[in-house]
N, C-alpha and C. Protein backbone atom coordinates (compact mmCIF):
# COMPACT_ATOMS: atom_id res chain seq x y z
N ALA A 1 -20.99 -5.82 -4.40
CA ALA A 1 -19.63 -5.47 -4.76
C ALA A 1 -18.70 -5.59 -3.55
N GLU A 2 -19.18 -5.13 -2.39
CA GLU A 2 -18.35 -5.22 -1.19
C GLU A 2 -18.09 -6.67 -0.81
N LEU A 3 -19.12 -7.51 -0.94
CA LEU A 3 -18.97 -8.93 -0.63
C LEU A 3 -18.00 -9.60 -1.59
N ASP A 4 -18.11 -9.25 -2.88
CA ASP A 4 -17.17 -9.80 -3.87
C ASP A 4 -15.74 -9.41 -3.54
N GLN A 5 -15.54 -8.15 -3.14
CA GLN A 5 -14.19 -7.69 -2.79
C GLN A 5 -13.68 -8.42 -1.57
N LEU A 6 -14.54 -8.63 -0.57
CA LEU A 6 -14.14 -9.34 0.64
C LEU A 6 -13.73 -10.77 0.31
N VAL A 7 -14.53 -11.46 -0.48
CA VAL A 7 -14.20 -12.83 -0.86
C VAL A 7 -12.90 -12.87 -1.64
N ASP A 8 -12.72 -11.92 -2.56
CA ASP A 8 -11.49 -11.85 -3.34
C ASP A 8 -10.28 -11.65 -2.43
N GLU A 9 -10.40 -10.78 -1.43
CA GLU A 9 -9.28 -10.53 -0.52
C GLU A 9 -8.99 -11.74 0.36
N ILE A 10 -10.02 -12.43 0.81
CA ILE A 10 -9.82 -13.63 1.62
C ILE A 10 -9.12 -14.71 0.79
N LEU A 11 -9.56 -14.89 -0.45
CA LEU A 11 -8.92 -15.89 -1.32
C LEU A 11 -7.47 -15.52 -1.61
N LEU A 12 -7.21 -14.25 -1.86
CA LEU A 12 -5.84 -13.82 -2.12
C LEU A 12 -4.97 -14.04 -0.88
N ALA A 13 -5.49 -13.70 0.29
CA ALA A 13 -4.73 -13.91 1.53
C ALA A 13 -4.40 -15.39 1.70
N SER A 14 -5.34 -16.24 1.39
CA SER A 14 -5.12 -17.68 1.49
C SER A 14 -4.04 -18.15 0.53
N ARG A 15 -4.09 -17.66 -0.72
CA ARG A 15 -3.06 -18.05 -1.70
C ARG A 15 -1.69 -17.51 -1.30
N LEU A 16 -1.64 -16.31 -0.76
CA LEU A 16 -0.36 -15.74 -0.33
C LEU A 16 0.24 -16.52 0.83
N ASP A 17 -0.62 -17.06 1.70
CA ASP A 17 -0.14 -17.85 2.83
C ASP A 17 0.44 -19.19 2.38
N ALA A 18 -0.04 -19.70 1.27
CA ALA A 18 0.47 -20.98 0.75
C ALA A 18 1.75 -20.68 -0.04
N ARG A 19 2.88 -20.82 0.59
CA ARG A 19 4.17 -20.45 0.02
C ARG A 19 4.43 -21.05 -1.35
N GLU A 20 3.95 -22.27 -1.57
CA GLU A 20 4.25 -22.93 -2.84
C GLU A 20 3.29 -22.52 -3.96
N ALA A 21 2.26 -21.73 -3.64
CA ALA A 21 1.27 -21.34 -4.64
C ALA A 21 1.91 -20.49 -5.73
N ASP A 22 1.51 -20.76 -6.96
CA ASP A 22 1.95 -19.96 -8.11
C ASP A 22 1.07 -18.72 -8.17
N LEU A 23 1.65 -17.58 -7.92
CA LEU A 23 0.88 -16.34 -7.86
C LEU A 23 0.95 -15.54 -9.14
N GLY A 24 1.72 -16.02 -10.11
CA GLY A 24 1.84 -15.31 -11.37
C GLY A 24 3.29 -15.20 -11.79
N THR A 25 3.48 -14.62 -12.95
CA THR A 25 4.81 -14.47 -13.53
C THR A 25 5.52 -13.26 -12.95
N VAL A 26 6.73 -13.50 -12.46
CA VAL A 26 7.56 -12.40 -11.96
C VAL A 26 8.26 -11.77 -13.15
N GLU A 27 8.08 -10.47 -13.30
CA GLU A 27 8.67 -9.72 -14.40
C GLU A 27 8.98 -8.31 -13.91
N PRO A 28 9.79 -7.56 -14.65
CA PRO A 28 10.03 -6.17 -14.23
C PRO A 28 8.73 -5.37 -14.34
N VAL A 29 8.36 -4.69 -13.26
CA VAL A 29 7.14 -3.89 -13.21
C VAL A 29 7.55 -2.42 -13.09
N ASP A 30 7.00 -1.58 -13.96
CA ASP A 30 7.27 -0.14 -13.92
C ASP A 30 6.45 0.47 -12.79
N LEU A 31 7.09 0.73 -11.68
CA LEU A 31 6.40 1.25 -10.50
C LEU A 31 5.88 2.67 -10.73
N VAL A 32 6.60 3.48 -11.49
CA VAL A 32 6.15 4.85 -11.76
C VAL A 32 4.83 4.83 -12.53
N GLY A 33 4.76 4.00 -13.57
CA GLY A 33 3.52 3.91 -14.35
C GLY A 33 2.37 3.38 -13.53
N LEU A 34 2.63 2.34 -12.75
CA LEU A 34 1.59 1.75 -11.90
C LEU A 34 1.07 2.79 -10.90
N LEU A 35 1.98 3.51 -10.26
CA LEU A 35 1.58 4.53 -9.28
C LEU A 35 0.81 5.66 -9.94
N ALA A 36 1.25 6.10 -11.11
CA ALA A 36 0.55 7.18 -11.81
C ALA A 36 -0.89 6.79 -12.11
N GLU A 37 -1.10 5.55 -12.57
CA GLU A 37 -2.46 5.08 -12.86
C GLU A 37 -3.32 5.01 -11.61
N GLU A 38 -2.79 4.40 -10.56
CA GLU A 38 -3.58 4.22 -9.35
C GLU A 38 -3.84 5.55 -8.63
N CYS A 39 -2.86 6.45 -8.65
CA CYS A 39 -3.07 7.76 -8.02
C CYS A 39 -4.12 8.56 -8.78
N ALA A 40 -4.10 8.49 -10.11
CA ALA A 40 -5.11 9.19 -10.91
C ALA A 40 -6.50 8.64 -10.60
N ARG A 41 -6.60 7.34 -10.36
CA ARG A 41 -7.88 6.70 -10.09
C ARG A 41 -8.53 7.24 -8.82
N VAL A 42 -7.73 7.54 -7.79
CA VAL A 42 -8.30 8.01 -6.51
C VAL A 42 -8.06 9.50 -6.26
N GLY A 43 -7.40 10.18 -7.18
CA GLY A 43 -7.16 11.61 -7.02
C GLY A 43 -6.04 11.97 -6.05
N ALA A 44 -5.07 11.06 -5.89
CA ALA A 44 -3.93 11.33 -5.00
C ALA A 44 -2.84 12.08 -5.75
N ASP A 45 -2.12 12.93 -5.04
CA ASP A 45 -0.97 13.62 -5.62
C ASP A 45 0.20 12.65 -5.67
N PHE A 46 0.88 12.58 -6.80
CA PHE A 46 2.01 11.66 -6.95
C PHE A 46 3.25 12.43 -7.36
N GLU A 47 4.32 12.15 -6.64
CA GLU A 47 5.60 12.79 -6.91
C GLU A 47 6.65 11.73 -7.21
N PRO A 48 6.94 11.48 -8.52
CA PRO A 48 7.98 10.50 -8.85
C PRO A 48 9.36 11.07 -8.52
N PRO A 49 10.36 10.21 -8.43
CA PRO A 49 11.71 10.70 -8.15
C PRO A 49 12.18 11.65 -9.26
N ALA A 50 12.81 12.74 -8.86
CA ALA A 50 13.28 13.73 -9.84
C ALA A 50 14.25 13.09 -10.82
N GLY A 51 14.05 13.38 -12.10
CA GLY A 51 14.95 12.90 -13.14
C GLY A 51 14.83 11.42 -13.46
N THR A 52 13.79 10.76 -12.95
CA THR A 52 13.63 9.33 -13.17
C THR A 52 12.39 9.08 -14.00
N GLN A 53 12.52 8.29 -15.04
CA GLN A 53 11.35 7.95 -15.84
C GLN A 53 10.78 6.60 -15.43
N ASP A 54 11.63 5.59 -15.28
CA ASP A 54 11.18 4.25 -14.93
C ASP A 54 11.83 3.82 -13.62
N VAL A 55 11.04 3.20 -12.77
CA VAL A 55 11.56 2.54 -11.59
C VAL A 55 11.04 1.12 -11.70
N LEU A 56 11.94 0.19 -12.01
CA LEU A 56 11.54 -1.19 -12.22
C LEU A 56 11.80 -2.04 -10.99
N VAL A 57 10.77 -2.79 -10.60
CA VAL A 57 10.90 -3.74 -9.50
C VAL A 57 10.46 -5.10 -10.03
N PRO A 58 11.13 -6.18 -9.59
CA PRO A 58 10.69 -7.50 -10.03
C PRO A 58 9.44 -7.90 -9.25
N GLY A 59 8.43 -8.36 -9.96
CA GLY A 59 7.23 -8.75 -9.23
C GLY A 59 6.11 -9.22 -10.12
N VAL A 60 5.03 -9.56 -9.47
CA VAL A 60 3.79 -9.93 -10.14
C VAL A 60 2.95 -8.66 -10.18
N ALA A 61 2.75 -8.12 -11.37
CA ALA A 61 2.13 -6.80 -11.53
C ALA A 61 0.79 -6.69 -10.83
N ARG A 62 -0.07 -7.70 -10.95
CA ARG A 62 -1.40 -7.59 -10.34
C ARG A 62 -1.33 -7.56 -8.81
N LEU A 63 -0.33 -8.24 -8.23
CA LEU A 63 -0.17 -8.21 -6.77
C LEU A 63 0.37 -6.86 -6.31
N LEU A 64 1.34 -6.33 -7.03
CA LEU A 64 1.87 -5.02 -6.67
C LEU A 64 0.80 -3.95 -6.82
N ARG A 65 -0.02 -4.07 -7.86
CA ARG A 65 -1.12 -3.12 -8.05
C ARG A 65 -2.09 -3.22 -6.87
N ARG A 66 -2.38 -4.43 -6.42
CA ARG A 66 -3.29 -4.62 -5.29
C ARG A 66 -2.73 -3.96 -4.04
N ALA A 67 -1.43 -4.13 -3.79
CA ALA A 67 -0.81 -3.52 -2.60
C ALA A 67 -0.93 -2.00 -2.66
N VAL A 68 -0.61 -1.41 -3.80
CA VAL A 68 -0.69 0.04 -3.96
C VAL A 68 -2.13 0.51 -3.83
N ARG A 69 -3.05 -0.20 -4.48
CA ARG A 69 -4.47 0.17 -4.42
C ARG A 69 -4.99 0.12 -2.98
N ASN A 70 -4.60 -0.92 -2.24
CA ASN A 70 -5.05 -1.02 -0.85
C ASN A 70 -4.54 0.16 -0.02
N LEU A 71 -3.28 0.53 -0.22
CA LEU A 71 -2.73 1.67 0.53
C LEU A 71 -3.46 2.96 0.18
N LEU A 72 -3.71 3.18 -1.10
CA LEU A 72 -4.37 4.41 -1.52
C LEU A 72 -5.83 4.47 -1.06
N GLU A 73 -6.56 3.37 -1.21
CA GLU A 73 -7.95 3.36 -0.78
C GLU A 73 -8.06 3.53 0.74
N ASN A 74 -7.12 2.95 1.46
CA ASN A 74 -7.08 3.14 2.91
C ASN A 74 -6.86 4.61 3.26
N ALA A 75 -5.92 5.24 2.58
CA ALA A 75 -5.61 6.64 2.85
C ALA A 75 -6.81 7.53 2.57
N VAL A 76 -7.50 7.29 1.47
CA VAL A 76 -8.68 8.08 1.13
C VAL A 76 -9.78 7.85 2.17
N ARG A 77 -10.01 6.59 2.53
CA ARG A 77 -11.07 6.25 3.50
C ARG A 77 -10.81 6.91 4.85
N HIS A 78 -9.58 6.86 5.33
CA HIS A 78 -9.29 7.43 6.64
C HIS A 78 -9.23 8.95 6.61
N GLY A 79 -8.87 9.50 5.47
CA GLY A 79 -8.94 10.95 5.32
C GLY A 79 -10.38 11.45 5.39
N ARG A 80 -11.30 10.64 4.86
CA ARG A 80 -12.72 10.98 4.91
C ARG A 80 -13.20 11.13 6.36
N ARG A 81 -12.61 10.33 7.26
CA ARG A 81 -13.02 10.39 8.67
C ARG A 81 -12.76 11.76 9.28
N THR A 82 -11.79 12.50 8.73
CA THR A 82 -11.47 13.83 9.24
C THR A 82 -11.91 14.93 8.27
N GLY A 83 -12.65 14.53 7.23
CA GLY A 83 -13.12 15.50 6.24
C GLY A 83 -12.05 15.93 5.26
N ARG A 84 -10.97 15.14 5.15
CA ARG A 84 -9.87 15.53 4.26
C ARG A 84 -9.51 14.37 3.32
N ASP A 85 -10.54 13.79 2.68
CA ASP A 85 -10.33 12.60 1.86
C ASP A 85 -9.54 12.87 0.59
N GLY A 86 -9.50 14.08 0.11
CA GLY A 86 -8.78 14.37 -1.12
C GLY A 86 -7.31 14.69 -0.90
N GLU A 87 -6.85 14.58 0.33
CA GLU A 87 -5.48 15.00 0.63
C GLU A 87 -4.58 13.80 0.88
N VAL A 88 -4.33 13.06 -0.19
CA VAL A 88 -3.42 11.92 -0.13
C VAL A 88 -2.26 12.24 -1.05
N SER A 89 -1.05 12.08 -0.52
CA SER A 89 0.12 12.33 -1.36
C SER A 89 1.01 11.09 -1.37
N VAL A 90 1.61 10.86 -2.52
CA VAL A 90 2.44 9.68 -2.73
C VAL A 90 3.80 10.15 -3.22
N HIS A 91 4.85 9.64 -2.57
CA HIS A 91 6.21 9.97 -2.95
C HIS A 91 6.96 8.67 -3.19
N LEU A 92 7.77 8.67 -4.21
CA LEU A 92 8.59 7.50 -4.52
C LEU A 92 10.04 7.95 -4.55
N GLN A 93 10.89 7.21 -3.88
CA GLN A 93 12.32 7.53 -3.90
C GLN A 93 13.12 6.25 -4.05
N ILE A 94 14.34 6.42 -4.49
CA ILE A 94 15.27 5.30 -4.60
C ILE A 94 16.21 5.42 -3.43
N ASP A 95 16.32 4.35 -2.66
CA ASP A 95 17.19 4.34 -1.48
C ASP A 95 18.04 3.08 -1.57
N GLY A 96 19.28 3.24 -1.99
CA GLY A 96 20.14 2.08 -2.19
C GLY A 96 19.56 1.21 -3.29
N GLY A 97 19.34 -0.03 -3.00
CA GLY A 97 18.79 -0.95 -3.99
C GLY A 97 17.29 -1.14 -3.87
N GLN A 98 16.60 -0.15 -3.26
CA GLN A 98 15.16 -0.29 -3.08
C GLN A 98 14.38 0.90 -3.62
N ALA A 99 13.18 0.60 -4.09
CA ALA A 99 12.19 1.64 -4.38
C ALA A 99 11.36 1.78 -3.11
N VAL A 100 11.28 3.00 -2.59
CA VAL A 100 10.57 3.23 -1.33
C VAL A 100 9.40 4.18 -1.62
N LEU A 101 8.20 3.66 -1.38
CA LEU A 101 6.97 4.38 -1.63
C LEU A 101 6.40 4.87 -0.30
N HIS A 102 6.04 6.14 -0.24
CA HIS A 102 5.41 6.73 0.95
C HIS A 102 4.00 7.18 0.55
N VAL A 103 3.00 6.71 1.27
CA VAL A 103 1.62 7.15 1.08
C VAL A 103 1.22 7.90 2.34
N ASP A 104 1.04 9.21 2.20
CA ASP A 104 0.70 10.07 3.33
C ASP A 104 -0.77 10.44 3.26
N ASP A 105 -1.48 10.25 4.38
CA ASP A 105 -2.88 10.64 4.42
C ASP A 105 -3.08 11.73 5.47
N ARG A 106 -4.29 12.27 5.51
CA ARG A 106 -4.62 13.30 6.50
C ARG A 106 -5.72 12.79 7.43
N GLY A 107 -5.71 11.48 7.66
CA GLY A 107 -6.67 10.86 8.57
C GLY A 107 -6.28 11.11 10.02
N PRO A 108 -6.89 10.35 10.92
CA PRO A 108 -6.63 10.54 12.35
C PRO A 108 -5.27 10.03 12.81
N GLY A 109 -4.54 9.34 11.94
CA GLY A 109 -3.24 8.79 12.31
C GLY A 109 -3.39 7.45 13.01
N VAL A 110 -2.25 6.82 13.28
CA VAL A 110 -2.23 5.51 13.93
C VAL A 110 -1.34 5.63 15.16
N PRO A 111 -1.88 5.36 16.34
CA PRO A 111 -1.06 5.45 17.55
C PRO A 111 0.15 4.51 17.44
N PRO A 112 1.32 4.93 17.93
CA PRO A 112 2.52 4.10 17.80
C PRO A 112 2.35 2.67 18.31
N GLU A 113 1.58 2.48 19.38
CA GLU A 113 1.42 1.13 19.93
C GLU A 113 0.53 0.23 19.05
N GLN A 114 -0.14 0.81 18.05
CA GLN A 114 -1.01 0.03 17.16
C GLN A 114 -0.38 -0.22 15.79
N ARG A 115 0.78 0.33 15.53
CA ARG A 115 1.35 0.32 14.18
C ARG A 115 1.73 -1.06 13.66
N GLU A 116 2.00 -1.99 14.51
CA GLU A 116 2.25 -3.37 14.05
C GLU A 116 0.95 -4.15 13.96
N ARG A 117 0.06 -3.92 14.89
CA ARG A 117 -1.20 -4.67 14.94
C ARG A 117 -2.05 -4.44 13.70
N ILE A 118 -2.00 -3.24 13.12
CA ILE A 118 -2.87 -2.95 11.97
C ILE A 118 -2.52 -3.80 10.75
N PHE A 119 -1.37 -4.46 10.78
CA PHE A 119 -0.99 -5.34 9.67
C PHE A 119 -1.44 -6.78 9.92
N GLU A 120 -2.09 -7.03 11.05
CA GLU A 120 -2.62 -8.36 11.34
C GLU A 120 -3.94 -8.54 10.61
N PRO A 121 -4.20 -9.74 10.06
CA PRO A 121 -5.48 -9.96 9.36
C PRO A 121 -6.67 -9.71 10.28
N PHE A 122 -7.64 -8.99 9.76
CA PHE A 122 -8.92 -8.68 10.40
C PHE A 122 -8.81 -7.74 11.60
N TYR A 123 -7.65 -7.17 11.85
CA TYR A 123 -7.54 -6.20 12.95
C TYR A 123 -7.89 -4.82 12.42
N ARG A 124 -8.67 -4.10 13.19
CA ARG A 124 -8.99 -2.70 12.87
C ARG A 124 -8.78 -1.87 14.12
N LEU A 125 -8.43 -0.64 13.94
CA LEU A 125 -8.20 0.25 15.08
C LEU A 125 -9.47 0.37 15.92
N PRO A 126 -9.30 0.49 17.24
CA PRO A 126 -10.47 0.70 18.10
C PRO A 126 -11.27 1.92 17.60
N GLY A 127 -12.57 1.76 17.57
CA GLY A 127 -13.45 2.85 17.12
C GLY A 127 -13.75 2.82 15.64
N ALA A 128 -13.08 1.96 14.87
CA ALA A 128 -13.35 1.87 13.44
C ALA A 128 -14.72 1.24 13.25
N SER A 129 -15.45 1.75 12.30
CA SER A 129 -16.81 1.27 12.04
C SER A 129 -16.87 0.55 10.71
N GLU A 130 -17.69 -0.50 10.64
CA GLU A 130 -17.85 -1.21 9.37
C GLU A 130 -18.49 -0.31 8.33
N ARG A 131 -19.24 0.69 8.75
CA ARG A 131 -19.85 1.61 7.79
C ARG A 131 -18.78 2.39 7.04
N GLU A 132 -17.61 2.55 7.62
CA GLU A 132 -16.53 3.30 6.97
C GLU A 132 -15.83 2.45 5.93
N GLY A 133 -16.15 1.18 5.86
CA GLY A 133 -15.54 0.29 4.89
C GLY A 133 -14.32 -0.40 5.48
N GLY A 134 -13.92 -1.47 4.83
CA GLY A 134 -12.75 -2.22 5.28
C GLY A 134 -13.10 -3.22 6.36
N VAL A 135 -12.44 -4.36 6.29
CA VAL A 135 -12.66 -5.41 7.28
C VAL A 135 -11.37 -5.80 7.98
N GLY A 136 -10.28 -5.09 7.69
CA GLY A 136 -9.03 -5.40 8.34
C GLY A 136 -8.14 -6.35 7.58
N LEU A 137 -8.36 -6.50 6.28
CA LEU A 137 -7.50 -7.37 5.47
C LEU A 137 -6.54 -6.60 4.58
N GLY A 138 -6.88 -5.38 4.24
CA GLY A 138 -6.09 -4.61 3.26
C GLY A 138 -4.63 -4.47 3.61
N LEU A 139 -4.33 -4.03 4.84
CA LEU A 139 -2.93 -3.83 5.23
C LEU A 139 -2.21 -5.16 5.42
N ALA A 140 -2.92 -6.18 5.87
CA ALA A 140 -2.31 -7.51 5.98
C ALA A 140 -1.87 -7.98 4.59
N LEU A 141 -2.70 -7.74 3.59
CA LEU A 141 -2.33 -8.12 2.22
C LEU A 141 -1.14 -7.30 1.73
N VAL A 142 -1.13 -6.01 2.03
CA VAL A 142 0.00 -5.16 1.62
C VAL A 142 1.31 -5.72 2.16
N ARG A 143 1.34 -6.01 3.45
CA ARG A 143 2.58 -6.52 4.04
C ARG A 143 2.97 -7.88 3.46
N THR A 144 2.01 -8.77 3.31
CA THR A 144 2.31 -10.10 2.77
C THR A 144 2.81 -10.00 1.33
N ILE A 145 2.18 -9.17 0.53
CA ILE A 145 2.63 -8.97 -0.86
C ILE A 145 4.04 -8.41 -0.87
N ALA A 146 4.29 -7.42 -0.02
CA ALA A 146 5.65 -6.84 0.06
C ALA A 146 6.66 -7.91 0.42
N GLN A 147 6.37 -8.72 1.43
CA GLN A 147 7.30 -9.76 1.86
C GLN A 147 7.51 -10.81 0.77
N ARG A 148 6.45 -11.18 0.06
CA ARG A 148 6.58 -12.16 -1.03
C ARG A 148 7.44 -11.62 -2.17
N HIS A 149 7.60 -10.29 -2.22
CA HIS A 149 8.43 -9.65 -3.24
C HIS A 149 9.79 -9.23 -2.68
N GLY A 150 10.14 -9.72 -1.49
CA GLY A 150 11.44 -9.38 -0.89
C GLY A 150 11.49 -8.00 -0.27
N GLY A 151 10.33 -7.42 0.00
CA GLY A 151 10.27 -6.07 0.54
C GLY A 151 9.64 -6.02 1.92
N SER A 152 9.17 -4.84 2.28
CA SER A 152 8.57 -4.65 3.60
C SER A 152 7.51 -3.55 3.53
N ALA A 153 6.69 -3.50 4.57
CA ALA A 153 5.68 -2.45 4.70
C ALA A 153 5.55 -2.10 6.18
N HIS A 154 5.44 -0.81 6.47
CA HIS A 154 5.23 -0.38 7.85
C HIS A 154 4.51 0.97 7.87
N CYS A 155 4.10 1.36 9.06
CA CYS A 155 3.42 2.63 9.28
C CYS A 155 4.31 3.52 10.13
N ALA A 156 4.29 4.82 9.83
CA ALA A 156 5.11 5.78 10.56
C ALA A 156 4.34 7.10 10.68
N ASP A 157 4.93 8.04 11.40
CA ASP A 157 4.40 9.41 11.42
C ASP A 157 4.65 10.03 10.06
N ARG A 158 3.84 11.01 9.71
CA ARG A 158 4.10 11.74 8.47
C ARG A 158 5.43 12.47 8.61
N PRO A 159 6.26 12.44 7.58
CA PRO A 159 7.58 13.08 7.69
C PRO A 159 7.51 14.60 7.84
N ASP A 160 6.39 15.22 7.41
CA ASP A 160 6.26 16.67 7.50
C ASP A 160 5.66 17.13 8.83
N GLY A 161 5.38 16.17 9.73
CA GLY A 161 4.84 16.51 11.03
C GLY A 161 3.36 16.84 11.05
N GLN A 162 2.71 16.79 9.90
CA GLN A 162 1.27 17.06 9.81
C GLN A 162 0.47 15.90 10.40
N PRO A 163 -0.79 16.14 10.76
CA PRO A 163 -1.64 15.05 11.23
C PRO A 163 -1.85 14.02 10.13
N GLY A 164 -2.03 12.78 10.54
CA GLY A 164 -2.25 11.69 9.59
C GLY A 164 -1.22 10.60 9.77
N ALA A 165 -1.16 9.73 8.79
CA ALA A 165 -0.22 8.61 8.84
C ALA A 165 0.57 8.55 7.55
N CYS A 166 1.69 7.86 7.63
CA CYS A 166 2.53 7.60 6.47
C CYS A 166 2.74 6.10 6.39
N PHE A 167 2.34 5.50 5.28
CA PHE A 167 2.57 4.08 5.06
C PHE A 167 3.70 3.94 4.08
N VAL A 168 4.67 3.10 4.43
CA VAL A 168 5.89 2.95 3.64
C VAL A 168 5.95 1.53 3.09
N LEU A 169 6.10 1.43 1.78
CA LEU A 169 6.24 0.16 1.08
C LEU A 169 7.60 0.18 0.40
N ALA A 170 8.48 -0.74 0.77
CA ALA A 170 9.82 -0.81 0.18
C ALA A 170 9.94 -2.11 -0.61
N LEU A 171 10.44 -1.99 -1.84
CA LEU A 171 10.59 -3.15 -2.73
C LEU A 171 11.97 -3.10 -3.37
N PRO A 172 12.62 -4.27 -3.54
CA PRO A 172 13.92 -4.27 -4.18
C PRO A 172 13.81 -3.88 -5.65
N LEU A 173 14.79 -3.14 -6.12
CA LEU A 173 14.82 -2.74 -7.54
C LEU A 173 15.21 -3.95 -8.40
N ALA A 174 14.75 -3.92 -9.64
CA ALA A 174 15.12 -4.96 -10.59
C ALA A 174 16.59 -4.77 -10.96
N LEU A 175 17.29 -5.87 -11.07
CA LEU A 175 18.68 -5.81 -11.49
C LEU A 175 18.71 -5.73 -13.01
N LEU A 176 19.34 -4.69 -13.52
CA LEU A 176 19.40 -4.51 -14.97
C LEU A 176 20.62 -5.23 -15.52
N LYS A 177 20.42 -5.85 -16.67
CA LYS A 177 21.52 -6.59 -17.30
C LYS A 177 22.29 -5.71 -18.22
């Protein structure tokens, strides 16, 4: 299963690098529904924007799901390193014309000087073990998927000052007719 996932991620990374590749149909994707499903799958706490039922972003649903899944699985895996794997929280807010997703974990955090490098393909933080899972492609895929959708991805300190990391995925909102 791990080998199949690795091959799938390598193939997806290759297709994403080929700018002209057809990656699927772009359609409005309900980000709230997608997040609710993926958070339930890994046991993460999810907080949708107050008073909002749908947050629609234009995109390829399976790619956006992959980006969210990679962020959540990463958060759970790194939380496990500190014995706090069940403490992943997800917040979604609307900021101007963007949906901004925050995935907060309780792992060891990411040193500021490593926050760009972790988005490079096959890069892993010093001391990371293959036994812990991951080969360094997940965050590279998240950033590439975000960019292919007109968005961005980065790592920051947790906004509440607690130990861990905060991964931020920003995507443009769908224009409603």
